Amino acid sequence: MAKILLVEDNEMNRDMLSRRLQRKGHEVLIAIDGEQGVAMARAERPDLILMDMSLPILDGWEATRVIKADPSISTVPVIALTAHAMAGDHEKCVAAGCDDYDTKPVELARLLSKIENLLQRSS
């Protein structure tokens, strides 16, 4: 299956999501802040990135901008994961370079569908 980089600072969210993705056969890499997420994206070249938008050091908005500006990793699909579900938040994620957007708490079936769609498009 796919190599997915999960950039998430909340330990409970990280643990729950990484275990569920691993059960679906994905290899899961974990970063706990935006700066580490960018570094791991460059080093590991994941197939897809799940990016929390509220991160320490470098938030998910800026981390996504950095990833999308780097020609070596700019084609890696990024799904924004955020508790922000207000009008305009989806557009803000897309403007930062995210390929898709999903709200927390994560509904796994919906997220897996988005992951599969993006992986198919990028292959």
PDB file of N, CA and C in Angstrom:
ATOM      1  N   MET A   1       0.844  -1.197   0.000  1.00  0.00           N
ATOM      2  CA  MET A   1       0.000   0.000   0.000  1.00  0.00           C
ATOM      3  C   MET A   1       0.884   1.253   0.000  1.00  0.00           C
ATOM      4  N   ALA A   2       0.333   2.347   0.470  1.00  0.00           N
ATOM      5  CA  ALA A   2       1.011   3.632   0.377  1.00  0.00           C
ATOM      6  C   ALA A   2       1.820   3.959   1.628  1.00  0.00           C
ATOM      7  N   LYS A   3       2.820   4.832   1.416  1.00  0.00           N
ATOM      8  CA  LYS A   3       3.586   5.403   2.520  1.00  0.00           C
ATOM      9  C   LYS A   3       2.951   6.757   2.820  1.00  0.00           C
ATOM     10  N   ILE A   4       2.369   6.881   4.017  1.00  0.00           N
ATOM     11  CA  ILE A   4       1.636   8.093   4.399  1.00  0.00           C
ATOM     12  C   ILE A   4       2.361   8.777   5.555  1.00  0.00           C
ATOM     13  N   LEU A   5       2.631  10.070   5.365  1.00  0.00           N
ATOM     14  CA  LEU A   5       3.213  10.884   6.431  1.00  0.00           C
ATOM     15  C   LEU A   5       2.070  11.565   7.171  1.00  0.00           C
ATOM     16  N   LEU A   6       1.951  11.278   8.465  1.00  0.00           N
ATOM     17  CA  LEU A   6       0.947  11.885   9.325  1.00  0.00           C
ATOM     18  C   LEU A   6       1.640  12.962  10.156  1.00  0.00           C
ATOM     19  N   VAL A   7       1.266  14.215   9.942  1.00  0.00           N
ATOM     20  CA  VAL A   7       1.842  15.334  10.688  1.00  0.00           C
ATOM     21  C   VAL A   7       0.765  15.790  11.672  1.00  0.00           C
ATOM     22  N   GLU A   8       0.939  15.412  12.934  1.00  0.00           N
ATOM     23  CA  GLU A   8      -0.103  15.614  13.953  1.00  0.00           C
ATOM     24  C   GLU A   8       0.560  15.773  15.310  1.00  0.00           C
ATOM     25  N   ASP A   9       0.226  16.839  16.036  1.00  0.00           N
ATOM     26  CA  ASP A   9       0.844  17.070  17.342  1.00  0.00           C
ATOM     27  C   ASP A   9       0.079  16.435  18.497  1.00  0.00           C
ATOM     28  N   ASN A  10      -1.176  16.080  18.292  1.00  0.00           N
ATOM     29  CA  ASN A  10      -1.972  15.490  19.360  1.00  0.00           C
ATOM     30  C   ASN A  10      -1.725  13.978  19.408  1.00  0.00           C
ATOM     31  N   GLU A  11      -1.190  13.513  20.535  1.00  0.00           N
ATOM     32  CA  GLU A  11      -0.793  12.110  20.656  1.00  0.00           C
ATOM     33  C   GLU A  11      -1.964  11.148  20.467  1.00  0.00           C
ATOM     34  N   MET A  12      -3.110  11.476  21.018  1.00  0.00           N
ATOM     35  CA  MET A  12      -4.265  10.587  20.897  1.00  0.00           C
ATOM     36  C   MET A  12      -4.720  10.483  19.428  1.00  0.00           C
ATOM     37  N   ASN A  13      -4.787  11.623  18.738  1.00  0.00           N
ATOM     38  CA  ASN A  13      -5.157  11.613  17.318  1.00  0.00           C
ATOM     39  C   ASN A  13      -4.135  10.830  16.489  1.00  0.00           C
ATOM     40  N   ARG A  14      -2.854  11.062  16.789  1.00  0.00           N
ATOM     41  CA  ARG A  14      -1.766  10.369  16.076  1.00  0.00           C
ATOM     42  C   ARG A  14      -1.889   8.869  16.235  1.00  0.00           C
ATOM     43  N   ASP A  15      -2.068   8.435  17.472  1.00  0.00           N
ATOM     44  CA  ASP A  15      -2.124   7.009  17.772  1.00  0.00           C
ATOM     45  C   ASP A  15      -3.321   6.353  17.091  1.00  0.00           C
ATOM     46  N   MET A  16      -4.484   6.969  17.225  1.00  0.00           N
ATOM     47  CA  MET A  16      -5.706   6.407  16.658  1.00  0.00           C
ATOM     48  C   MET A  16      -5.609   6.319  15.136  1.00  0.00           C
ATOM     49  N   LEU A  17      -5.210   7.405  14.510  1.00  0.00           N
ATOM     50  CA  LEU A  17      -5.172   7.441  13.053  1.00  0.00           C
ATOM     51  C   LEU A  17      -4.070   6.543  12.488  1.00  0.00           C
ATOM     52  N   SER A  18      -2.908   6.549  13.097  1.00  0.00           N
ATOM     53  CA  SER A  18      -1.815   5.710  12.581  1.00  0.00           C
ATOM     54  C   SER A  18      -2.163   4.225  12.688  1.00  0.00           C
ATOM     55  N   ARG A  19      -2.777   3.815  13.793  1.00  0.00           N
ATOM     56  CA  ARG A  19      -3.155   2.395  13.925  1.00  0.00           C
ATOM     57  C   ARG A  19      -4.198   2.001  12.888  1.00  0.00           C
ATOM     58  N   ARG A  20      -5.167   2.858  12.657  1.00  0.00           N
ATOM     59  CA  ARG A  20      -6.210   2.549  11.675  1.00  0.00           C
ATOM     60  C   ARG A  20      -5.640   2.480  10.258  1.00  0.00           C
ATOM     61  N   LEU A  21      -4.739   3.380   9.931  1.00  0.00           N
ATOM     62  CA  LEU A  21      -4.126   3.361   8.599  1.00  0.00           C
ATOM     63  C   LEU A  21      -3.233   2.136   8.417  1.00  0.00           C
ATOM     64  N   GLN A  22      -2.511   1.764   9.466  1.00  0.00           N
ATOM     65  CA  GLN A  22      -1.664   0.565   9.398  1.00  0.00           C
ATOM     66  C   GLN A  22      -2.509  -0.687   9.217  1.00  0.00           C
ATOM     67  N   ARG A  23      -3.649  -0.734   9.890  1.00  0.00           N
ATOM     68  CA  ARG A  23      -4.553  -1.886   9.716  1.00  0.00           C
ATOM     69  C   ARG A  23      -5.061  -2.001   8.287  1.00  0.00           C
ATOM     70  N   LYS A  24      -5.127  -0.879   7.572  1.00  0.00           N
ATOM     71  CA  LYS A  24      -5.543  -0.879   6.169  1.00  0.00           C
ATOM     72  C   LYS A  24      -4.359  -1.184   5.241  1.00  0.00           C
ATOM     73  N   GLY A  25      -3.180  -1.455   5.836  1.00  0.00           N
ATOM     74  CA  GLY A  25      -2.029  -1.853   5.039  1.00  0.00           C
ATOM     75  C   GLY A  25      -1.063  -0.736   4.671  1.00  0.00           C
ATOM     76  N   HIS A  26      -1.301   0.470   5.146  1.00  0.00           N
ATOM     77  CA  HIS A  26      -0.414   1.586   4.819  1.00  0.00           C
ATOM     78  C   HIS A  26       0.781   1.630   5.766  1.00  0.00           C
ATOM     79  N   GLU A  27       1.905   2.093   5.244  1.00  0.00           N
ATOM     80  CA  GLU A  27       3.066   2.394   6.072  1.00  0.00           C
ATOM     81  C   GLU A  27       2.867   3.824   6.558  1.00  0.00           C
ATOM     82  N   VAL A  28       2.970   4.049   7.870  1.00  0.00           N
ATOM     83  CA  VAL A  28       2.705   5.373   8.417  1.00  0.00           C
ATOM     84  C   VAL A  28       3.975   5.942   9.052  1.00  0.00           C
ATOM     85  N   LEU A  29       4.356   7.114   8.589  1.00  0.00           N
ATOM     86  CA  LEU A  29       5.457   7.881   9.168  1.00  0.00           C
ATOM     87  C   LEU A  29       4.818   8.992   9.991  1.00  0.00           C
ATOM     88  N   ILE A  30       5.469   9.383  11.086  1.00  0.00           N
ATOM     89  CA  ILE A  30       4.853  10.372  11.973  1.00  0.00           C
ATOM     90  C   ILE A  30       5.800  11.538  12.234  1.00  0.00           C
ATOM     91  N   ALA A  31       5.243  12.741  12.114  1.00  0.00           N
ATOM     92  CA  ALA A  31       5.934  13.970  12.512  1.00  0.00           C
ATOM     93  C   ALA A  31       5.023  14.692  13.492  1.00  0.00           C
ATOM     94  N   ILE A  32       5.605  15.373  14.472  1.00  0.00           N
ATOM     95  CA  ILE A  32       4.788  15.986  15.523  1.00  0.00           C
ATOM     96  C   ILE A  32       4.683  17.510  15.416  1.00  0.00           C
ATOM     97  N   ASP A  33       5.354  18.115  14.426  1.00  0.00           N
ATOM     98  CA  ASP A  33       5.193  19.542  14.167  1.00  0.00           C
ATOM     99  C   ASP A  33       5.461  19.799  12.687  1.00  0.00           C
ATOM    100  N   GLY A  34       5.121  20.988  12.239  1.00  0.00           N
ATOM    101  CA  GLY A  34       5.240  21.307  10.824  1.00  0.00           C
ATOM    102  C   GLY A  34       6.666  21.271  10.303  1.00  0.00           C
ATOM    103  N   GLU A  35       7.593  21.740  11.101  1.00  0.00           N
ATOM    104  CA  GLU A  35       9.003  21.736  10.684  1.00  0.00           C
ATOM    105  C   GLU A  35       9.498  20.306  10.465  1.00  0.00           C
ATOM    106  N   GLN A  36       9.192  19.427  11.407  1.00  0.00           N
ATOM    107  CA  GLN A  36       9.566  18.019  11.273  1.00  0.00           C
ATOM    108  C   GLN A  36       8.832  17.382  10.094  1.00  0.00           C
ATOM    109  N   GLY A  37       7.595  17.784   9.863  1.00  0.00           N
ATOM    110  CA  GLY A  37       6.821  17.273   8.740  1.00  0.00           C
ATOM    111  C   GLY A  37       7.477  17.596   7.402  1.00  0.00           C
ATOM    112  N   VAL A  38       7.933  18.835   7.246  1.00  0.00           N
ATOM    113  CA  VAL A  38       8.616  19.239   6.006  1.00  0.00           C
ATOM    114  C   VAL A  38       9.900  18.435   5.842  1.00  0.00           C
ATOM    115  N   ALA A  39      10.675  18.313   6.914  1.00  0.00           N
ATOM    116  CA  ALA A  39      11.941  17.565   6.848  1.00  0.00           C
ATOM    117  C   ALA A  39      11.697  16.105   6.487  1.00  0.00           C
ATOM    118  N   MET A  40      10.685  15.495   7.091  1.00  0.00           N
ATOM    119  CA  MET A  40      10.392  14.087   6.792  1.00  0.00           C
ATOM    120  C   MET A  40       9.852  13.915   5.379  1.00  0.00           C
ATOM    121  N   ALA A  41       9.063  14.874   4.909  1.00  0.00           N
ATOM    122  CA  ALA A  41       8.564  14.805   3.533  1.00  0.00           C
ATOM    123  C   ALA A  41       9.738  14.805   2.558  1.00  0.00           C
ATOM    124  N   ARG A  42      10.719  15.643   2.819  1.00  0.00           N
ATOM    125  CA  ARG A  42      11.902  15.707   1.946  1.00  0.00           C
ATOM    126  C   ARG A  42      12.732  14.431   2.031  1.00  0.00           C
ATOM    127  N   ALA A  43      12.900  13.904   3.225  1.00  0.00           N
ATOM    128  CA  ALA A  43      13.760  12.731   3.422  1.00  0.00           C
ATOM    129  C   ALA A  43      13.093  11.432   2.984  1.00  0.00           C
ATOM    130  N   GLU A  44      11.799  11.304   3.235  1.00  0.00           N
ATOM    131  CA  GLU A  44      11.101  10.025   3.043  1.00  0.00           C
ATOM    132  C   GLU A  44      10.290   9.939   1.743  1.00  0.00           C
ATOM    133  N   ARG A  45       9.978  11.068   1.131  1.00  0.00           N
ATOM    134  CA  ARG A  45       9.178  11.098  -0.102  1.00  0.00           C
ATOM    135  C   ARG A  45       7.916  10.226   0.010  1.00  0.00           C
ATOM    136  N   PRO A  46       7.020  10.598   0.920  1.00  0.00           N
ATOM    137  CA  PRO A  46       5.805   9.786   1.104  1.00  0.00           C
ATOM    138  C   PRO A  46       4.899   9.859  -0.126  1.00  0.00           C
ATOM    139  N   ASP A  47       3.960   8.934  -0.206  1.00  0.00           N
ATOM    140  CA  ASP A  47       2.978   8.937  -1.287  1.00  0.00           C
ATOM    141  C   ASP A  47       1.876   9.959  -1.033  1.00  0.00           C
ATOM    142  N   LEU A  48       1.681  10.297   0.256  1.00  0.00           N
ATOM    143  CA  LEU A  48       0.613  11.221   0.631  1.00  0.00           C
ATOM    144  C   LEU A  48       0.925  11.776   2.019  1.00  0.00           C
ATOM    145  N   ILE A  49       0.475  12.998   2.277  1.00  0.00           N
ATOM    146  CA  ILE A  49       0.673  13.635   3.585  1.00  0.00           C
ATOM    147  C   ILE A  49      -0.682  14.004   4.175  1.00  0.00           C
ATOM    148  N   LEU A  50      -0.897  13.618   5.432  1.00  0.00           N
ATOM    149  CA  LEU A  50      -2.047  14.072   6.212  1.00  0.00           C
ATOM    150  C   LEU A  50      -1.527  15.164   7.135  1.00  0.00           C
ATOM    151  N   MET A  51      -1.984  16.393   6.932  1.00  0.00           N
ATOM    152  CA  MET A  51      -1.408  17.555   7.618  1.00  0.00           C
ATOM    153  C   MET A  51      -2.417  18.194   8.557  1.00  0.00           C
ATOM    154  N   ASP A  52      -2.150  18.082   9.863  1.00  0.00           N
ATOM    155  CA  ASP A  52      -2.926  18.859  10.826  1.00  0.00           C
ATOM    156  C   ASP A  52      -2.597  20.327  10.564  1.00  0.00           C
ATOM    157  N   MET A  53      -3.542  21.207  10.666  1.00  0.00           N
ATOM    158  CA  MET A  53      -3.288  22.607  10.356  1.00  0.00           C
ATOM    159  C   MET A  53      -2.863  23.412  11.587  1.00  0.00           C
ATOM    160  N   SER A  54      -3.197  22.955  12.779  1.00  0.00           N
ATOM    161  CA  SER A  54      -2.831  23.654  14.017  1.00  0.00           C
ATOM    162  C   SER A  54      -1.658  22.931  14.655  1.00  0.00           C
ATOM    163  N   LEU A  55      -0.451  23.293  14.217  1.00  0.00           N
ATOM    164  CA  LEU A  55       0.771  22.617  14.679  1.00  0.00           C
ATOM    165  C   LEU A  55       1.711  23.612  15.341  1.00  0.00           C
ATOM    166  N   PRO A  56       2.560  23.120  16.252  1.00  0.00           N
ATOM    167  CA  PRO A  56       3.585  23.994  16.825  1.00  0.00           C
ATOM    168  C   PRO A  56       4.750  24.193  15.846  1.00  0.00           C
ATOM    169  N   ILE A  57       5.583  25.159  16.145  1.00  0.00           N
ATOM    170  CA  ILE A  57       6.799  25.534  15.417  1.00  0.00           C
ATOM    171  C   ILE A  57       6.459  26.105  14.038  1.00  0.00           C
ATOM    172  N   LEU A  58       5.928  25.282  13.152  1.00  0.00           N
ATOM    173  CA  LEU A  58       5.515  25.713  11.818  1.00  0.00           C
ATOM    174  C   LEU A  58       4.112  25.145  11.627  1.00  0.00           C
ATOM    175  N   ASP A  59       3.112  26.033  11.475  1.00  0.00           N
ATOM    176  CA  ASP A  59       1.749  25.505  11.377  1.00  0.00           C
ATOM    177  C   ASP A  59       1.539  24.778  10.047  1.00  0.00           C
ATOM    178  N   GLY A  60       0.429  24.064   9.952  1.00  0.00           N
ATOM    179  CA  GLY A  60       0.154  23.259   8.769  1.00  0.00           C
ATOM    180  C   GLY A  60      -0.010  24.074   7.499  1.00  0.00           C
ATOM    181  N   TRP A  61      -0.508  25.309   7.633  1.00  0.00           N
ATOM    182  CA  TRP A  61      -0.665  26.180   6.463  1.00  0.00           C
ATOM    183  C   TRP A  61       0.713  26.448   5.849  1.00  0.00           C
ATOM    184  N   GLU A  62       1.652  26.881   6.714  1.00  0.00           N
ATOM    185  CA  GLU A  62       2.983  27.234   6.218  1.00  0.00           C
ATOM    186  C   GLU A  62       3.773  25.998   5.801  1.00  0.00           C
ATOM    187  N   ALA A  63       3.641  24.909   6.549  1.00  0.00           N
ATOM    188  CA  ALA A  63       4.340  23.672   6.183  1.00  0.00           C
ATOM    189  C   ALA A  63       3.891  23.206   4.798  1.00  0.00           C
ATOM    190  N   THR A  64       2.600  23.304   4.521  1.00  0.00           N
ATOM    191  CA  THR A  64       2.086  22.919   3.201  1.00  0.00           C
ATOM    192  C   THR A  64       2.634  23.840   2.118  1.00  0.00           C
ATOM    193  N   ARG A  65       2.693  25.136   2.395  1.00  0.00           N
ATOM    194  CA  ARG A  65       3.252  26.081   1.411  1.00  0.00           C
ATOM    195  C   ARG A  65       4.707  25.732   1.093  1.00  0.00           C
ATOM    196  N   VAL A  66       5.484  25.393   2.130  1.00  0.00           N
ATOM    197  CA  VAL A  66       6.893  25.032   1.934  1.00  0.00           C
ATOM    198  C   VAL A  66       6.998  23.754   1.097  1.00  0.00           C
ATOM    199  N   ILE A  67       6.185  22.756   1.410  1.00  0.00           N
ATOM    200  CA  ILE A  67       6.198  21.485   0.667  1.00  0.00           C
ATOM    201  C   ILE A  67       5.846  21.729  -0.800  1.00  0.00           C
ATOM    202  N   LYS A  68       4.798  22.496  -1.042  1.00  0.00           N
ATOM    203  CA  LYS A  68       4.336  22.721  -2.416  1.00  0.00           C
ATOM    204  C   LYS A  68       5.286  23.621  -3.211  1.00  0.00           C
ATOM    205  N   ALA A  69       6.143  24.379  -2.513  1.00  0.00           N
ATOM    206  CA  ALA A  69       7.128  25.230  -3.191  1.00  0.00           C
ATOM    207  C   ALA A  69       8.419  24.477  -3.502  1.00  0.00           C
ATOM    208  N   ASP A  70       8.590  23.279  -2.946  1.00  0.00           N
ATOM    209  CA  ASP A  70       9.803  22.483  -3.152  1.00  0.00           C
ATOM    210  C   ASP A  70       9.571  21.529  -4.322  1.00  0.00           C
ATOM    211  N   PRO A  71      10.268  21.739  -5.445  1.00  0.00           N
ATOM    212  CA  PRO A  71      10.026  20.907  -6.633  1.00  0.00           C
ATOM    213  C   PRO A  71      10.222  19.401  -6.395  1.00  0.00           C
ATOM    214  N   SER A  72      11.028  19.040  -5.416  1.00  0.00           N
ATOM    215  CA  SER A  72      11.286  17.614  -5.176  1.00  0.00           C
ATOM    216  C   SER A  72      10.116  16.901  -4.502  1.00  0.00           C
ATOM    217  N   ILE A  73       9.215  17.650  -3.859  1.00  0.00           N
ATOM    218  CA  ILE A  73       8.078  17.032  -3.160  1.00  0.00           C
ATOM    219  C   ILE A  73       6.752  17.723  -3.454  1.00  0.00           C
ATOM    220  N   SER A  74       6.751  18.676  -4.366  1.00  0.00           N
ATOM    221  CA  SER A  74       5.545  19.476  -4.613  1.00  0.00           C
ATOM    222  C   SER A  74       4.372  18.664  -5.156  1.00  0.00           C
ATOM    223  N   THR A  75       4.648  17.500  -5.745  1.00  0.00           N
ATOM    224  CA  THR A  75       3.554  16.695  -6.308  1.00  0.00           C
ATOM    225  C   THR A  75       2.933  15.735  -5.289  1.00  0.00           C
ATOM    226  N   VAL A  76       3.501  15.662  -4.081  1.00  0.00           N
ATOM    227  CA  VAL A  76       2.938  14.784  -3.052  1.00  0.00           C
ATOM    228  C   VAL A  76       1.593  15.369  -2.604  1.00  0.00           C
ATOM    229  N   PRO A  77       0.517  14.587  -2.710  1.00  0.00           N
ATOM    230  CA  PRO A  77      -0.788  15.106  -2.284  1.00  0.00           C
ATOM    231  C   PRO A  77      -0.821  15.367  -0.775  1.00  0.00           C
ATOM    232  N   VAL A  78      -1.459  16.463  -0.396  1.00  0.00           N
ATOM    233  CA  VAL A  78      -1.607  16.839   1.012  1.00  0.00           C
ATOM    234  C   VAL A  78      -3.097  16.955   1.325  1.00  0.00           C
ATOM    235  N   ILE A  79      -3.521  16.247   2.367  1.00  0.00           N
ATOM    236  CA  ILE A  79      -4.882  16.392   2.879  1.00  0.00           C
ATOM    237  C   ILE A  79      -4.807  17.142   4.201  1.00  0.00           C
ATOM    238  N   ALA A  80      -5.471  18.276   4.264  1.00  0.00           N
ATOM    239  CA  ALA A  80      -5.546  19.047   5.503  1.00  0.00           C
ATOM    240  C   ALA A  80      -6.480  18.334   6.469  1.00  0.00           C
ATOM    241  N   LEU A  81      -6.038  18.200   7.717  1.00  0.00           N
ATOM    242  CA  LEU A  81      -6.898  17.677   8.783  1.00  0.00           C
ATOM    243  C   LEU A  81      -7.067  18.807   9.789  1.00  0.00           C
ATOM    244  N   THR A  82      -8.300  19.214  10.004  1.00  0.00           N
ATOM    245  CA  THR A  82      -8.495  20.359  10.876  1.00  0.00           C
ATOM    246  C   THR A  82      -9.831  20.305  11.603  1.00  0.00           C
ATOM    247  N   ALA A  83      -9.833  20.855  12.789  1.00  0.00           N
ATOM    248  CA  ALA A  83     -11.077  21.009  13.535  1.00  0.00           C
ATOM    249  C   ALA A  83     -11.810  22.260  13.066  1.00  0.00           C
ATOM    250  N   HIS A  84     -11.149  23.067  12.237  1.00  0.00           N
ATOM    251  CA  HIS A  84     -11.759  24.282  11.695  1.00  0.00           C
ATOM    252  C   HIS A  84     -12.730  23.891  10.593  1.00  0.00           C
ATOM    253  N   ALA A  85     -13.984  24.019  10.854  1.00  0.00           N
ATOM    254  CA  ALA A  85     -15.001  23.649   9.865  1.00  0.00           C
ATOM    255  C   ALA A  85     -15.918  24.835   9.573  1.00  0.00           C
ATOM    256  N   MET A  86     -15.346  26.005   9.619  1.00  0.00           N
ATOM    257  CA  MET A  86     -16.122  27.211   9.362  1.00  0.00           C
ATOM    258  C   MET A  86     -16.166  27.494   7.861  1.00  0.00           C
ATOM    259  N   ALA A  87     -17.106  28.312   7.459  1.00  0.00           N
ATOM    260  CA  ALA A  87     -17.181  28.725   6.057  1.00  0.00           C
ATOM    261  C   ALA A  87     -15.852  29.366   5.670  1.00  0.00           C
ATOM    262  N   GLY A  88     -15.319  28.947   4.543  1.00  0.00           N
ATOM    263  CA  GLY A  88     -14.063  29.511   4.068  1.00  0.00           C
ATOM    264  C   GLY A  88     -12.836  28.712   4.442  1.00  0.00           C
ATOM    265  N   ASP A  89     -12.936  27.803   5.403  1.00  0.00           N
ATOM    266  CA  ASP A  89     -11.756  27.031   5.809  1.00  0.00           C
ATOM    267  C   ASP A  89     -11.279  26.093   4.711  1.00  0.00           C
ATOM    268  N   HIS A  90     -12.212  25.471   3.984  1.00  0.00           N
ATOM    269  CA  HIS A  90     -11.818  24.598   2.875  1.00  0.00           C
ATOM    270  C   HIS A  90     -11.032  25.398   1.840  1.00  0.00           C
ATOM    271  N   GLU A  91     -11.520  26.577   1.491  1.00  0.00           N
ATOM    272  CA  GLU A  91     -10.843  27.429   0.512  1.00  0.00           C
ATOM    273  C   GLU A  91      -9.469  27.857   1.016  1.00  0.00           C
ATOM    274  N   LYS A  92      -9.364  28.127   2.310  1.00  0.00           N
ATOM    275  CA  LYS A  92      -8.084  28.527   2.898  1.00  0.00           C
ATOM    276  C   LYS A  92      -7.068  27.379   2.790  1.00  0.00           C
ATOM    277  N   CYS A  93      -7.521  26.145   3.002  1.00  0.00           N
ATOM    278  CA  CYS A  93      -6.640  24.976   2.879  1.00  0.00           C
ATOM    279  C   CYS A  93      -6.166  24.805   1.437  1.00  0.00           C
ATOM    280  N   VAL A  94      -7.086  24.950   0.498  1.00  0.00           N
ATOM    281  CA  VAL A  94      -6.737  24.819  -0.921  1.00  0.00           C
ATOM    282  C   VAL A  94      -5.772  25.934  -1.324  1.00  0.00           C
ATOM    283  N   ALA A  95      -5.999  27.143  -0.823  1.00  0.00           N
ATOM    284  CA  ALA A  95      -5.114  28.270  -1.139  1.00  0.00           C
ATOM    285  C   ALA A  95      -3.697  28.037  -0.607  1.00  0.00           C
ATOM    286  N   ALA A  96      -3.576  27.303   0.496  1.00  0.00           N
ATOM    287  CA  ALA A  96      -2.258  26.991   1.048  1.00  0.00           C
ATOM    288  C   ALA A  96      -1.557  25.893   0.257  1.00  0.00           C
ATOM    289  N   GLY A  97      -2.311  25.206  -0.625  1.00  0.00           N
ATOM    290  CA  GLY A  97      -1.713  24.161  -1.447  1.00  0.00           C
ATOM    291  C   GLY A  97      -2.228  22.765  -1.166  1.00  0.00           C
ATOM    292  N   CYS A  98      -3.147  22.628  -0.226  1.00  0.00           N
ATOM    293  CA  CYS A  98      -3.678  21.302   0.088  1.00  0.00           C
ATOM    294  C   CYS A  98      -4.505  20.783  -1.083  1.00  0.00           C
ATOM    295  N   ASP A  99      -4.419  19.490  -1.311  1.00  0.00           N
ATOM    296  CA  ASP A  99      -5.154  18.861  -2.398  1.00  0.00           C
ATOM    297  C   ASP A  99      -6.569  18.479  -1.972  1.00  0.00           C
ATOM    298  N   ASP A 100      -6.769  18.327  -0.666  1.00  0.00           N
ATOM    299  CA  ASP A 100      -8.095  18.017  -0.141  1.00  0.00           C
ATOM    300  C   ASP A 100      -8.117  18.431   1.319  1.00  0.00           C
ATOM    301  N   TYR A 101      -9.260  18.226   1.961  1.00  0.00           N
ATOM    302  CA  TYR A 101      -9.528  18.767   3.290  1.00  0.00           C
ATOM    303  C   TYR A 101     -10.462  17.803   3.995  1.00  0.00           C
ATOM    304  N   ASP A 102     -10.209  17.554   5.268  1.00  0.00           N
ATOM    305  CA  ASP A 102     -11.118  16.739   6.056  1.00  0.00           C
ATOM    306  C   ASP A 102     -11.167  17.292   7.474  1.00  0.00           C
ATOM    307  N   THR A 103     -12.323  17.169   8.095  1.00  0.00           N
ATOM    308  CA  THR A 103     -12.506  17.741   9.425  1.00  0.00           C
ATOM    309  C   THR A 103     -12.290  16.695  10.518  1.00  0.00           C
ATOM    310  N   LYS A 104     -11.940  17.211  11.688  1.00  0.00           N
ATOM    311  CA  LYS A 104     -11.838  16.384  12.885  1.00  0.00           C
ATOM    312  C   LYS A 104     -13.115  16.601  13.681  1.00  0.00           C
ATOM    313  N   PRO A 105     -13.583  15.602  14.403  1.00  0.00           N
ATOM    314  CA  PRO A 105     -12.993  14.264  14.475  1.00  0.00           C
ATOM    315  C   PRO A 105     -13.094  13.551  13.130  1.00  0.00           C
ATOM    316  N   VAL A 106     -12.065  12.777  12.830  1.00  0.00           N
ATOM    317  CA  VAL A 106     -11.961  12.100  11.544  1.00  0.00           C
ATOM    318  C   VAL A 106     -12.998  10.987  11.437  1.00  0.00           C
ATOM    319  N   GLU A 107     -13.710  10.987  10.334  1.00  0.00           N
ATOM    320  CA  GLU A 107     -14.589   9.868   9.995  1.00  0.00           C
ATOM    321  C   GLU A 107     -13.766   9.004   9.044  1.00  0.00           C
ATOM    322  N   LEU A 108     -13.318   7.844   9.523  1.00  0.00           N
ATOM    323  CA  LEU A 108     -12.316   7.048   8.808  1.00  0.00           C
ATOM    324  C   LEU A 108     -12.738   6.679   7.394  1.00  0.00           C
ATOM    325  N   ALA A 109     -13.956   6.235   7.189  1.00  0.00           N
ATOM    326  CA  ALA A 109     -14.393   5.825   5.846  1.00  0.00           C
ATOM    327  C   ALA A 109     -14.282   6.984   4.863  1.00  0.00           C
ATOM    328  N   ARG A 110     -14.677   8.165   5.282  1.00  0.00           N
ATOM    329  CA  ARG A 110     -14.601   9.347   4.411  1.00  0.00           C
ATOM    330  C   ARG A 110     -13.150   9.695   4.107  1.00  0.00           C
ATOM    331  N   LEU A 111     -12.292   9.672   5.148  1.00  0.00           N
ATOM    332  CA  LEU A 111     -10.880   9.990   4.950  1.00  0.00           C
ATOM    333  C   LEU A 111     -10.207   8.962   4.044  1.00  0.00           C
ATOM    334  N   LEU A 112     -10.489   7.677   4.251  1.00  0.00           N
ATOM    335  CA  LEU A 112      -9.890   6.639   3.404  1.00  0.00           C
ATOM    336  C   LEU A 112     -10.294   6.816   1.949  1.00  0.00           C
ATOM    337  N   SER A 113     -11.516   7.213   1.707  1.00  0.00           N
ATOM    338  CA  SER A 113     -11.975   7.470   0.351  1.00  0.00           C
ATOM    339  C   SER A 113     -11.174   8.605  -0.286  1.00  0.00           C
ATOM    340  N   LYS A 114     -10.940   9.666   0.466  1.00  0.00           N
ATOM    341  CA  LYS A 114     -10.156  10.797  -0.043  1.00  0.00           C
ATOM    342  C   LYS A 114      -8.708  10.373  -0.299  1.00  0.00           C
ATOM    343  N   ILE A 115      -8.150   9.576   0.614  1.00  0.00           N
ATOM    344  CA  ILE A 115      -6.774   9.083   0.439  1.00  0.00           C
ATOM    345  C   ILE A 115      -6.676   8.263  -0.841  1.00  0.00           C
ATOM    346  N   GLU A 116      -7.588   7.322  -1.028  1.00  0.00           N
ATOM    347  CA  GLU A 116      -7.550   6.458  -2.212  1.00  0.00           C
ATOM    348  C   GLU A 116      -7.697   7.263  -3.498  1.00  0.00           C
ATOM    349  N   ASN A 117      -8.607   8.235  -3.501  1.00  0.00           N
ATOM    350  CA  ASN A 117      -8.798   9.074  -4.692  1.00  0.00           C
ATOM    351  C   ASN A 117      -7.526   9.830  -5.047  1.00  0.00           C
ATOM    352  N   LEU A 118      -6.877  10.419  -4.057  1.00  0.00           N
ATOM    353  CA  LEU A 118      -5.659  11.181  -4.328  1.00  0.00           C
ATOM    354  C   LEU A 118      -4.508  10.282  -4.743  1.00  0.00           C
ATOM    355  N   LEU A 119      -4.408   9.102  -4.128  1.00  0.00           N
ATOM    356  CA  LEU A 119      -3.339   8.173  -4.510  1.00  0.00           C
ATOM    357  C   LEU A 119      -3.523   7.703  -5.961  1.00  0.00           C
ATOM    358  N   GLN A 120      -4.749   7.454  -6.358  1.00  0.00           N
ATOM    359  CA  GLN A 120      -5.011   7.044  -7.735  1.00  0.00           C
ATOM    360  C   GLN A 120      -4.667   8.155  -8.717  1.00  0.00           C
ATOM    361  N   ARG A 121      -5.013   9.377  -8.366  1.00  0.00           N
ATOM    362  CA  ARG A 121      -4.729  10.510  -9.258  1.00  0.00           C
ATOM    363  C   ARG A 121      -3.237  10.780  -9.388  1.00  0.00           C
ATOM    364  N   SER A 122      -2.488  10.554  -8.297  1.00  0.00           N
ATOM    365  CA  SER A 122      -1.059  10.890  -8.324  1.00  0.00           C
ATOM    366  C   SER A 122      -0.194   9.785  -8.902  1.00  0.00           C
ATOM    367  N   SER A 123      -0.759   8.580  -9.101  1.00  0.00           N
ATOM    368  CA  SER A 123       0.079   7.490  -9.619  1.00  0.00           C
ATOM    369  C   SER A 123       0.080   7.437 -11.141  1.00  0.00           C
TER     370      SER A 123
END
